[in-house]
PDB file of N, CA and C in Angstrom:
ATOM      1  N   UNK A   1     -41.948 -64.477 -30.282  1.00  0.00           N
ATOM      2  CA  UNK A   1     -41.938 -63.094 -30.719  1.00  0.00           C
ATOM      3  C   UNK A   1     -42.965 -62.329 -29.877  1.00  0.00           C
ATOM      4  N   UNK A   2     -42.586 -61.204 -29.370  1.00  0.00           N
ATOM      5  CA  UNK A   2     -43.470 -60.407 -28.521  1.00  0.00           C
ATOM      6  C   UNK A   2     -44.083 -59.251 -29.300  1.00  0.00           C
ATOM      7  N   UNK A   3     -45.258 -58.864 -28.861  1.00  0.00           N
ATOM      8  CA  UNK A   3     -45.922 -57.694 -29.418  1.00  0.00           C
ATOM      9  C   UNK A   3     -46.024 -56.681 -28.288  1.00  0.00           C
ATOM     10  N   UNK A   4     -45.554 -55.502 -28.550  1.00  0.00           N
ATOM     11  CA  UNK A   4     -45.627 -54.444 -27.549  1.00  0.00           C
ATOM     12  C   UNK A   4     -46.621 -53.393 -28.046  1.00  0.00           C
ATOM     13  N   UNK A   5     -47.653 -53.186 -27.273  1.00  0.00           N
ATOM     14  CA  UNK A   5     -48.682 -52.221 -27.648  1.00  0.00           C
ATOM     15  C   UNK A   5     -48.402 -50.919 -26.919  1.00  0.00           C
ATOM     16  N   UNK A   6     -48.141 -49.879 -27.662  1.00  0.00           N
ATOM     17  CA  UNK A   6     -47.825 -48.580 -27.066  1.00  0.00           C
ATOM     18  C   UNK A   6     -49.029 -47.656 -27.014  1.00  0.00           C
ATOM     19  N   UNK A   7     -50.055 -48.003 -27.742  1.00  0.00           N
ATOM     20  CA  UNK A   7     -51.232 -47.157 -27.808  1.00  0.00           C
ATOM     21  C   UNK A   7     -52.169 -47.496 -26.641  1.00  0.00           C
ATOM     22  N   UNK A   8     -52.431 -46.537 -25.755  1.00  0.00           N
ATOM     23  CA  UNK A   8     -53.280 -46.810 -24.591  1.00  0.00           C
ATOM     24  C   UNK A   8     -54.701 -47.263 -24.965  1.00  0.00           C
ATOM     25  N   UNK A   9     -55.266 -46.708 -26.029  1.00  0.00           N
ATOM     26  CA  UNK A   9     -56.615 -47.094 -26.432  1.00  0.00           C
ATOM     27  C   UNK A   9     -56.656 -48.564 -26.875  1.00  0.00           C
ATOM     28  N   UNK A  10     -55.661 -48.962 -27.659  1.00  0.00           N
ATOM     29  CA  UNK A  10     -55.592 -50.355 -28.104  1.00  0.00           C
ATOM     30  C   UNK A  10     -55.404 -51.287 -26.917  1.00  0.00           C
ATOM     31  N   UNK A  11     -54.534 -50.912 -26.004  1.00  0.00           N
ATOM     32  CA  UNK A  11     -54.312 -51.701 -24.793  1.00  0.00           C
ATOM     33  C   UNK A  11     -55.617 -51.862 -24.014  1.00  0.00           C
ATOM     34  N   UNK A  12     -56.350 -50.773 -23.870  1.00  0.00           N
ATOM     35  CA  UNK A  12     -57.611 -50.796 -23.138  1.00  0.00           C
ATOM     36  C   UNK A  12     -58.633 -51.705 -23.832  1.00  0.00           C
ATOM     37  N   UNK A  13     -58.717 -51.619 -25.157  1.00  0.00           N
ATOM     38  CA  UNK A  13     -59.660 -52.451 -25.905  1.00  0.00           C
ATOM     39  C   UNK A  13     -59.338 -53.935 -25.752  1.00  0.00           C
ATOM     40  N   UNK A  14     -58.076 -54.280 -25.836  1.00  0.00           N
ATOM     41  CA  UNK A  14     -57.671 -55.682 -25.703  1.00  0.00           C
ATOM     42  C   UNK A  14     -57.989 -56.185 -24.298  1.00  0.00           C
ATOM     43  N   UNK A  15     -57.717 -55.378 -23.310  1.00  0.00           N
ATOM     44  CA  UNK A  15     -57.996 -55.784 -21.921  1.00  0.00           C
ATOM     45  C   UNK A  15     -59.505 -55.927 -21.690  1.00  0.00           C
ATOM     46  N   UNK A  16     -60.295 -55.030 -22.263  1.00  0.00           N
ATOM     47  CA  UNK A  16     -61.763 -55.139 -22.134  1.00  0.00           C
ATOM     48  C   UNK A  16     -62.266 -56.433 -22.763  1.00  0.00           C
ATOM     49  N   UNK A  17     -61.760 -56.737 -23.952  1.00  0.00           N
ATOM     50  CA  UNK A  17     -62.167 -57.957 -24.643  1.00  0.00           C
ATOM     51  C   UNK A  17     -61.774 -59.186 -23.824  1.00  0.00           C
ATOM     52  N   UNK A  18     -60.556 -59.199 -23.315  1.00  0.00           N
ATOM     53  CA  UNK A  18     -60.077 -60.333 -22.516  1.00  0.00           C
ATOM     54  C   UNK A  18     -60.950 -60.522 -21.273  1.00  0.00           C
ATOM     55  N   UNK A  19     -61.300 -59.431 -20.600  1.00  0.00           N
ATOM     56  CA  UNK A  19     -62.153 -59.528 -19.406  1.00  0.00           C
ATOM     57  C   UNK A  19     -63.535 -60.069 -19.761  1.00  0.00           C
ATOM     58  N   UNK A  20     -64.115 -59.533 -20.818  1.00  0.00           N
ATOM     59  CA  UNK A  20     -65.458 -59.973 -21.224  1.00  0.00           C
ATOM     60  C   UNK A  20     -65.495 -61.452 -21.573  1.00  0.00           C
ATOM     61  N   UNK A  21     -64.448 -61.918 -22.243  1.00  0.00           N
ATOM     62  CA  UNK A  21     -64.418 -63.312 -22.683  1.00  0.00           C
ATOM     63  C   UNK A  21     -63.827 -64.235 -21.627  1.00  0.00           C
ATOM     64  N   UNK A  22     -63.235 -63.652 -20.592  1.00  0.00           N
ATOM     65  CA  UNK A  22     -62.631 -64.461 -19.538  1.00  0.00           C
ATOM     66  C   UNK A  22     -61.398 -65.210 -20.005  1.00  0.00           C
ATOM     67  N   UNK A  23     -60.619 -64.571 -20.864  1.00  0.00           N
ATOM     68  CA  UNK A  23     -59.400 -65.184 -21.392  1.00  0.00           C
ATOM     69  C   UNK A  23     -58.218 -64.249 -21.160  1.00  0.00           C
ATOM     70  N   UNK A  24     -57.023 -64.753 -21.399  1.00  0.00           N
ATOM     71  CA  UNK A  24     -55.824 -63.935 -21.273  1.00  0.00           C
ATOM     72  C   UNK A  24     -55.682 -62.983 -22.454  1.00  0.00           C
ATOM     73  N   UNK A  25     -54.727 -62.076 -22.331  1.00  0.00           N
ATOM     74  CA  UNK A  25     -54.505 -61.080 -23.381  1.00  0.00           C
ATOM     75  C   UNK A  25     -54.116 -61.734 -24.714  1.00  0.00           C
ATOM     76  N   UNK A  26     -53.246 -62.731 -24.648  1.00  0.00           N
ATOM     77  CA  UNK A  26     -52.807 -63.395 -25.882  1.00  0.00           C
ATOM     78  C   UNK A  26     -53.977 -64.056 -26.588  1.00  0.00           C
ATOM     79  N   UNK A  27     -54.816 -64.760 -25.817  1.00  0.00           N
ATOM     80  CA  UNK A  27     -55.981 -65.408 -26.426  1.00  0.00           C
ATOM     81  C   UNK A  27     -56.948 -64.387 -27.006  1.00  0.00           C
ATOM     82  N   UNK A  28     -57.123 -63.274 -26.311  1.00  0.00           N
ATOM     83  CA  UNK A  28     -58.024 -62.228 -26.804  1.00  0.00           C
ATOM     84  C   UNK A  28     -57.503 -61.650 -28.118  1.00  0.00           C
ATOM     85  N   UNK A  29     -56.214 -61.404 -28.187  1.00  0.00           N
ATOM     86  CA  UNK A  29     -55.615 -60.865 -29.419  1.00  0.00           C
ATOM     87  C   UNK A  29     -55.719 -61.890 -30.539  1.00  0.00           C
ATOM     88  N   UNK A  30     -55.390 -63.157 -30.244  1.00  0.00           N
ATOM     89  CA  UNK A  30     -55.442 -64.209 -31.268  1.00  0.00           C
ATOM     90  C   UNK A  30     -56.852 -64.327 -31.846  1.00  0.00           C
ATOM     91  N   UNK A  31     -57.844 -64.375 -30.955  1.00  0.00           N
ATOM     92  CA  UNK A  31     -59.222 -64.528 -31.420  1.00  0.00           C
ATOM     93  C   UNK A  31     -59.684 -63.312 -32.221  1.00  0.00           C
ATOM     94  N   UNK A  32     -59.330 -62.117 -31.760  1.00  0.00           N
ATOM     95  CA  UNK A  32     -59.740 -60.903 -32.466  1.00  0.00           C
ATOM     96  C   UNK A  32     -59.115 -60.850 -33.860  1.00  0.00           C
ATOM     97  N   UNK A  33     -57.836 -61.185 -33.940  1.00  0.00           N
ATOM     98  CA  UNK A  33     -57.153 -61.151 -35.239  1.00  0.00           C
ATOM     99  C   UNK A  33     -57.699 -62.246 -36.154  1.00  0.00           C
ATOM    100  N   UNK A  34     -57.931 -63.441 -35.619  1.00  0.00           N
ATOM    101  CA  UNK A  34     -58.483 -64.533 -36.429  1.00  0.00           C
ATOM    102  C   UNK A  34     -59.865 -64.160 -36.962  1.00  0.00           C
ATOM    103  N   UNK A  35     -60.692 -63.569 -36.113  1.00  0.00           N
ATOM    104  CA  UNK A  35     -62.028 -63.154 -36.560  1.00  0.00           C
ATOM    105  C   UNK A  35     -61.955 -62.081 -37.634  1.00  0.00           C
ATOM    106  N   UNK A  36     -61.045 -61.152 -37.478  1.00  0.00           N
ATOM    107  CA  UNK A  36     -60.906 -60.085 -38.478  1.00  0.00           C
ATOM    108  C   UNK A  36     -60.397 -60.651 -39.804  1.00  0.00           C
ATOM    109  N   UNK A  37     -59.441 -61.571 -39.738  1.00  0.00           N
ATOM    110  CA  UNK A  37     -58.942 -62.191 -40.972  1.00  0.00           C
ATOM    111  C   UNK A  37     -60.048 -62.974 -41.671  1.00  0.00           C
ATOM    112  N   UNK A  38     -60.861 -63.686 -40.907  1.00  0.00           N
ATOM    113  CA  UNK A  38     -61.976 -64.422 -41.490  1.00  0.00           C
ATOM    114  C   UNK A  38     -62.957 -63.464 -42.158  1.00  0.00           C
ATOM    115  N   UNK A  39     -63.231 -62.352 -41.507  1.00  0.00           N
ATOM    116  CA  UNK A  39     -64.133 -61.341 -42.074  1.00  0.00           C
ATOM    117  C   UNK A  39     -63.568 -60.780 -43.369  1.00  0.00           C
ATOM    118  N   UNK A  40     -62.272 -60.515 -43.380  1.00  0.00           N
ATOM    119  CA  UNK A  40     -61.621 -59.997 -44.591  1.00  0.00           C
ATOM    120  C   UNK A  40     -61.668 -61.026 -45.717  1.00  0.00           C
ATOM    121  N   UNK A  41     -61.451 -62.299 -45.378  1.00  0.00           N
ATOM    122  CA  UNK A  41     -61.511 -63.349 -46.397  1.00  0.00           C
ATOM    123  C   UNK A  41     -62.892 -63.401 -47.031  1.00  0.00           C
ATOM    124  N   UNK A  42     -63.924 -63.277 -46.216  1.00  0.00           N
ATOM    125  CA  UNK A  42     -65.283 -63.317 -46.735  1.00  0.00           C
ATOM    126  C   UNK A  42     -65.578 -62.088 -47.585  1.00  0.00           C
ATOM    127  N   UNK A  43     -64.868 -61.000 -47.349  1.00  0.00           N
ATOM    128  CA  UNK A  43     -65.104 -59.767 -48.091  1.00  0.00           C
ATOM    129  C   UNK A  43     -64.529 -59.838 -49.511  1.00  0.00           C
ATOM    130  N   UNK A  44     -63.603 -60.764 -49.756  1.00  0.00           N
ATOM    131  CA  UNK A  44     -63.034 -60.897 -51.092  1.00  0.00           C
ATOM    132  C   UNK A  44     -64.098 -61.405 -52.054  1.00  0.00           C
ATOM    133  N   UNK A  45     -64.022 -60.962 -53.258  1.00  0.00           N
ATOM    134  CA  UNK A  45     -64.985 -61.417 -54.266  1.00  0.00           C
ATOM    135  C   UNK A  45     -64.735 -62.891 -54.588  1.00  0.00           C
ATOM    136  N   UNK A  46     -65.737 -63.529 -55.137  1.00  0.00           N
ATOM    137  CA  UNK A  46     -65.593 -64.923 -55.539  1.00  0.00           C
ATOM    138  C   UNK A  46     -64.444 -65.057 -56.539  1.00  0.00           C
ATOM    139  N   UNK A  47     -64.312 -64.104 -57.420  1.00  0.00           N
ATOM    140  CA  UNK A  47     -63.239 -64.119 -58.419  1.00  0.00           C
ATOM    141  C   UNK A  47     -61.872 -64.149 -57.731  1.00  0.00           C
ATOM    142  N   UNK A  48     -61.702 -63.299 -56.729  1.00  0.00           N
ATOM    143  CA  UNK A  48     -60.425 -63.258 -56.010  1.00  0.00           C
ATOM    144  C   UNK A  48     -60.202 -64.516 -55.168  1.00  0.00           C
ATOM    145  N   UNK A  49     -61.282 -65.029 -54.547  1.00  0.00           N
ATOM    146  CA  UNK A  49     -61.137 -66.211 -53.699  1.00  0.00           C
ATOM    147  C   UNK A  49     -60.799 -67.453 -54.502  1.00  0.00           C
ATOM    148  N   UNK A  50     -61.147 -67.475 -55.783  1.00  0.00           N
ATOM    149  CA  UNK A  50     -60.894 -68.662 -56.602  1.00  0.00           C
ATOM    150  C   UNK A  50     -59.691 -68.493 -57.533  1.00  0.00           C
ATOM    151  N   UNK A  51     -58.895 -67.477 -57.315  1.00  0.00           N
ATOM    152  CA  UNK A  51     -57.749 -67.212 -58.200  1.00  0.00           C
ATOM    153  C   UNK A  51     -56.794 -68.397 -58.257  1.00  0.00           C
ATOM    154  N   UNK A  52     -56.512 -69.036 -57.121  1.00  0.00           N
ATOM    155  CA  UNK A  52     -55.580 -70.164 -57.123  1.00  0.00           C
ATOM    156  C   UNK A  52     -56.151 -71.360 -57.885  1.00  0.00           C
ATOM    157  N   UNK A  53     -57.451 -71.586 -57.775  1.00  0.00           N
ATOM    158  CA  UNK A  53     -58.084 -72.687 -58.501  1.00  0.00           C
ATOM    159  C   UNK A  53     -58.060 -72.407 -60.003  1.00  0.00           C
ATOM    160  N   UNK A  54     -58.378 -71.167 -60.379  1.00  0.00           N
ATOM    161  CA  UNK A  54     -58.379 -70.819 -61.801  1.00  0.00           C
ATOM    162  C   UNK A  54     -56.978 -70.922 -62.393  1.00  0.00           C
ATOM    163  N   UNK A  55     -55.965 -70.535 -61.632  1.00  0.00           N
ATOM    164  CA  UNK A  55     -54.581 -70.628 -62.111  1.00  0.00           C
ATOM    165  C   UNK A  55     -54.182 -72.085 -62.301  1.00  0.00           C
ATOM    166  N   UNK A  56     -54.610 -72.941 -61.369  1.00  0.00           N
ATOM    167  CA  UNK A  56     -54.297 -74.359 -61.488  1.00  0.00           C
ATOM    168  C   UNK A  56     -54.936 -74.949 -62.739  1.00  0.00           C
ATOM    169  N   UNK A  57     -56.207 -74.669 -62.949  1.00  0.00           N
ATOM    170  CA  UNK A  57     -56.909 -75.193 -64.123  1.00  0.00           C
ATOM    171  C   UNK A  57     -56.295 -74.654 -65.414  1.00  0.00           C
ATOM    172  N   UNK A  58     -55.906 -73.390 -65.418  1.00  0.00           N
ATOM    173  CA  UNK A  58     -55.301 -72.793 -66.615  1.00  0.00           C
ATOM    174  C   UNK A  58     -53.959 -73.450 -66.947  1.00  0.00           C
ATOM    175  N   UNK A  59     -53.314 -74.052 -65.949  1.00  0.00           N
ATOM    176  CA  UNK A  59     -52.017 -74.672 -66.197  1.00  0.00           C
ATOM    177  C   UNK A  59     -52.135 -76.067 -66.813  1.00  0.00           C
ATOM    178  N   UNK A  60     -53.342 -76.624 -66.827  1.00  0.00           N
ATOM    179  CA  UNK A  60     -53.535 -77.957 -67.404  1.00  0.00           C
ATOM    180  C   UNK A  60     -53.344 -77.888 -68.920  1.00  0.00           C
ATOM    181  N   UNK A  61     -52.808 -78.940 -69.508  1.00  0.00           N
ATOM    182  CA  UNK A  61     -52.602 -78.926 -70.968  1.00  0.00           C
ATOM    183  C   UNK A  61     -53.936 -78.981 -71.713  1.00  0.00           C
ATOM    184  N   UNK A  62     -53.981 -78.328 -72.834  1.00  0.00           N
ATOM    185  CA  UNK A  62     -55.174 -78.325 -73.680  1.00  0.00           C
ATOM    186  C   UNK A  62     -55.228 -79.643 -74.451  1.00  0.00           C
ATOM    187  N   UNK A  63     -56.403 -80.252 -74.515  1.00  0.00           N
ATOM    188  CA  UNK A  63     -56.551 -81.522 -75.230  1.00  0.00           C
ATOM    189  C   UNK A  63     -57.082 -81.319 -76.641  1.00  0.00           C
ATOM    190  N   UNK A  64     -57.703 -80.197 -76.873  1.00  0.00           N
ATOM    191  CA  UNK A  64     -58.314 -79.952 -78.162  1.00  0.00           C
ATOM    192  C   UNK A  64     -59.711 -80.547 -78.259  1.00  0.00           C
ATOM    193  N   UNK A  65     -60.106 -81.313 -77.245  1.00  0.00           N
ATOM    194  CA  UNK A  65     -61.433 -81.920 -77.248  1.00  0.00           C
ATOM    195  C   UNK A  65     -62.454 -80.916 -76.749  1.00  0.00           C
ATOM    196  N   UNK A  66     -63.668 -81.060 -77.225  1.00  0.00           N
ATOM    197  CA  UNK A  66     -64.746 -80.154 -76.839  1.00  0.00           C
ATOM    198  C   UNK A  66     -65.826 -80.953 -76.134  1.00  0.00           C
ATOM    199  N   UNK A  67     -66.191 -80.546 -74.924  1.00  0.00           N
ATOM    200  CA  UNK A  67     -67.292 -81.200 -74.211  1.00  0.00           C
ATOM    201  C   UNK A  67     -68.576 -80.489 -74.608  1.00  0.00           C
ATOM    202  N   UNK A  68     -69.436 -81.208 -75.302  1.00  0.00           N
ATOM    203  CA  UNK A  68     -70.689 -80.614 -75.753  1.00  0.00           C
ATOM    204  C   UNK A  68     -71.871 -81.276 -75.043  1.00  0.00           C
ATOM    205  N   UNK A  69     -73.069 -80.900 -75.422  1.00  0.00           N
ATOM    206  CA  UNK A  69     -74.267 -81.417 -74.773  1.00  0.00           C
ATOM    207  C   UNK A  69     -74.340 -82.938 -74.885  1.00  0.00           C
ATOM    208  N   UNK A  70     -73.981 -83.473 -76.020  1.00  0.00           N
ATOM    209  CA  UNK A  70     -74.032 -84.927 -76.198  1.00  0.00           C
ATOM    210  C   UNK A  70     -73.101 -85.632 -75.215  1.00  0.00           C
ATOM    211  N   UNK A  71     -71.932 -85.057 -74.980  1.00  0.00           N
ATOM    212  CA  UNK A  71     -70.996 -85.636 -74.017  1.00  0.00           C
ATOM    213  C   UNK A  71     -71.609 -85.650 -72.622  1.00  0.00           C
ATOM    214  N   UNK A  72     -72.135 -84.513 -72.194  1.00  0.00           N
ATOM    215  CA  UNK A  72     -72.728 -84.449 -70.860  1.00  0.00           C
ATOM    216  C   UNK A  72     -73.942 -85.367 -70.740  1.00  0.00           C
ATOM    217  N   UNK A  73     -74.764 -85.424 -71.776  1.00  0.00           N
ATOM    218  CA  UNK A  73     -75.918 -86.322 -71.760  1.00  0.00           C
ATOM    219  C   UNK A  73     -75.472 -87.775 -71.641  1.00  0.00           C
ATOM    220  N   UNK A  74     -74.360 -88.115 -72.285  1.00  0.00           N
ATOM    221  CA  UNK A  74     -73.882 -89.501 -72.245  1.00  0.00           C
ATOM    222  C   UNK A  74     -73.440 -89.912 -70.841  1.00  0.00           C
ATOM    223  N   UNK A  75     -73.080 -88.973 -70.033  1.00  0.00           N
ATOM    224  CA  UNK A  75     -72.686 -89.282 -68.658  1.00  0.00           C
ATOM    225  C   UNK A  75     -73.856 -89.786 -67.836  1.00  0.00           C
ATOM    226  N   UNK A  76     -75.058 -89.399 -68.223  1.00  0.00           N
ATOM    227  CA  UNK A  76     -76.250 -89.750 -67.460  1.00  0.00           C
ATOM    228  C   UNK A  76     -77.110 -90.804 -68.147  1.00  0.00           C
ATOM    229  N   UNK A  77     -76.661 -91.317 -69.296  1.00  0.00           N
ATOM    230  CA  UNK A  77     -77.424 -92.343 -69.993  1.00  0.00           C
ATOM    231  C   UNK A  77     -77.435 -93.608 -69.150  1.00  0.00           C
ATOM    232  N   UNK A  78     -78.628 -94.174 -69.039  1.00  0.00           N
ATOM    233  CA  UNK A  78     -78.775 -95.427 -68.309  1.00  0.00           C
ATOM    234  C   UNK A  78     -79.433 -96.432 -69.245  1.00  0.00           C
ATOM    235  N   UNK A  79     -79.057 -97.675 -69.081  1.00  0.00           N
ATOM    236  CA  UNK A  79     -79.628 -98.721 -69.919  1.00  0.00           C
ATOM    237  C   UNK A  79     -81.014 -99.127 -69.445  1.00  0.00           C
ATOM    238  N   UNK A  80     -81.411 -98.725 -68.230  1.00  0.00           N
ATOM    239  CA  UNK A  80     -82.698 -99.120 -67.691  1.00  0.00           C
ATOM    240  C   UNK A  80     -83.819 -98.194 -68.136  1.00  0.00           C
ATOM    241  N   UNK A  81     -83.565 -97.234 -69.007  1.00  0.00           N
ATOM    242  CA  UNK A  81     -84.611 -96.341 -69.511  1.00  0.00           C
ATOM    243  C   UNK A  81     -85.346 -96.946 -70.664  1.00  0.00           C
TER     244      UNK A  81
END
């Protein structure tokens, strides 16, 4: 699939980036888009970034059991104390 850039300013920016990095136009575009997507991902709130995890956990069946302090303490009980 080809991308045709009709905007002269965008074309100029991509060519400047490619020259500075010493890469071809495709690599310059790929890296710029990947960096921007990474930046956007980091901009999402923790709540939004964990939506898939929260949905997965919410889909688990309810057991009716309650994990309380005694339960958590029992996980760390050692006989050598």
